[in-house]
Amino acid sequence: MKIHKAVSEKLTKLMVERNISVNKLASITCLTQSTVDSLVNGKSKNPKLLTIVRICDGLEIKLSDFFKDDVFNDIERED
């Protein structure tokens, strides 16, 4: 699985668990709605670590907890 797909799946899972929308996630992370939408829909092919850190801060989770998910176990390199 490509990293952008894994990030998309993880964000979708977190949003469902917390019952929040893309708009709400954007609001609590101080990111634009278009940025969050691109991540959630897998349109952002190269998500920046700083963006994921902001999401983790907004969701009050550790970065290590974000990546502690089976979806990240078999990442395909994109270089």
Protein backbone atom coordinates (compact mmCIF):
# COMPACT_ATOMS: atom_id res chain seq x y z
CA MET A 1 0.00 0.00 0.00
CA LYS A 2 1.23 3.50 -0.80
CA ILE A 3 1.79 5.90 2.10
CA HIS A 4 -0.90 8.34 0.97
CA LYS A 5 -3.49 5.54 0.94
CA ALA A 6 -2.43 4.40 4.41
CA VAL A 7 -2.68 7.96 5.76
CA SER A 8 -6.10 8.30 4.14
CA GLU A 9 -7.33 5.07 5.75
CA LYS A 10 -5.96 6.03 9.17
CA LEU A 11 -7.54 9.49 9.06
CA THR A 12 -10.87 8.04 7.97
CA LYS A 13 -10.71 5.54 10.83
CA LEU A 14 -9.94 8.27 13.37
CA MET A 15 -12.73 10.48 12.06
CA VAL A 16 -15.27 7.65 12.29
CA GLU A 17 -14.10 6.71 15.80
CA ARG A 18 -14.44 10.32 16.97
CA ASN A 19 -17.52 11.09 14.88
CA ILE A 20 -15.96 14.18 13.28
CA SER A 21 -16.14 15.58 9.77
CA VAL A 22 -13.39 16.84 7.49
CA ASN A 23 -14.45 20.37 8.42
CA LYS A 24 -14.19 19.64 12.14
CA LEU A 25 -10.80 17.94 11.72
CA ALA A 26 -9.55 20.97 9.78
CA SER A 27 -10.81 23.27 12.50
CA ILE A 28 -9.16 21.43 15.42
CA THR A 29 -5.87 21.00 13.55
CA CYS A 30 -5.62 24.57 12.19
CA LEU A 31 -5.25 23.17 8.67
CA THR A 32 -7.29 24.23 5.68
CA GLN A 33 -10.29 22.15 4.80
CA SER A 34 -8.82 21.51 1.35
CA THR A 35 -5.61 20.13 2.90
CA VAL A 36 -7.51 17.76 5.17
CA ASP A 37 -9.86 16.79 2.34
CA SER A 38 -6.87 15.98 0.11
CA LEU A 39 -5.36 13.78 2.81
CA VAL A 40 -8.60 11.99 3.62
CA ASN A 41 -9.43 11.37 -0.05
CA GLY A 42 -5.91 10.23 -0.91
CA LYS A 43 -5.35 13.08 -3.36
CA SER A 44 -2.27 14.29 -1.49
CA LYS A 45 0.34 11.89 -2.85
CA ASN A 46 3.13 13.03 -0.52
CA PRO A 47 1.72 13.97 2.90
CA LYS A 48 4.19 15.99 4.95
CA LEU A 49 5.17 14.77 8.38
CA LEU A 50 4.53 18.24 9.83
CA THR A 51 0.94 18.03 8.59
CA ILE A 52 0.49 14.67 10.29
CA VAL A 53 2.05 16.10 13.47
CA ARG A 54 -0.53 18.93 13.40
CA ILE A 55 -3.32 16.38 13.00
CA CYS A 56 -1.98 14.38 15.94
CA ASP A 57 -1.78 17.53 18.05
CA GLY A 58 -5.36 18.44 17.17
CA LEU A 59 -6.59 14.95 17.97
CA GLU A 60 -4.44 14.85 21.11
CA ILE A 61 -2.66 11.65 20.13
CA LYS A 62 1.02 10.83 19.90
CA LEU A 63 2.63 10.61 16.49
CA SER A 64 3.74 7.08 17.35
CA ASP A 65 0.11 6.14 18.04
CA PHE A 66 -0.91 7.48 14.63
CA PHE A 67 1.54 5.15 12.91
CA LYS A 68 0.86 2.23 15.28
CA ASP A 69 -1.69 0.69 12.94
CA ASP A 70 -1.61 -2.38 10.71
CA VAL A 71 -2.30 -0.17 7.71
CA PHE A 72 1.33 1.04 7.90
CA ASN A 73 2.90 -2.42 8.08
CA ASP A 74 3.44 -2.98 4.35
CA ILE A 75 4.15 0.44 2.87
CA GLU A 76 5.40 0.53 -0.71
CA ARG A 77 8.18 3.01 -1.40
CA GLU A 78 7.25 5.79 -3.75
CA ASP A 79 10.68 6.99 -4.84
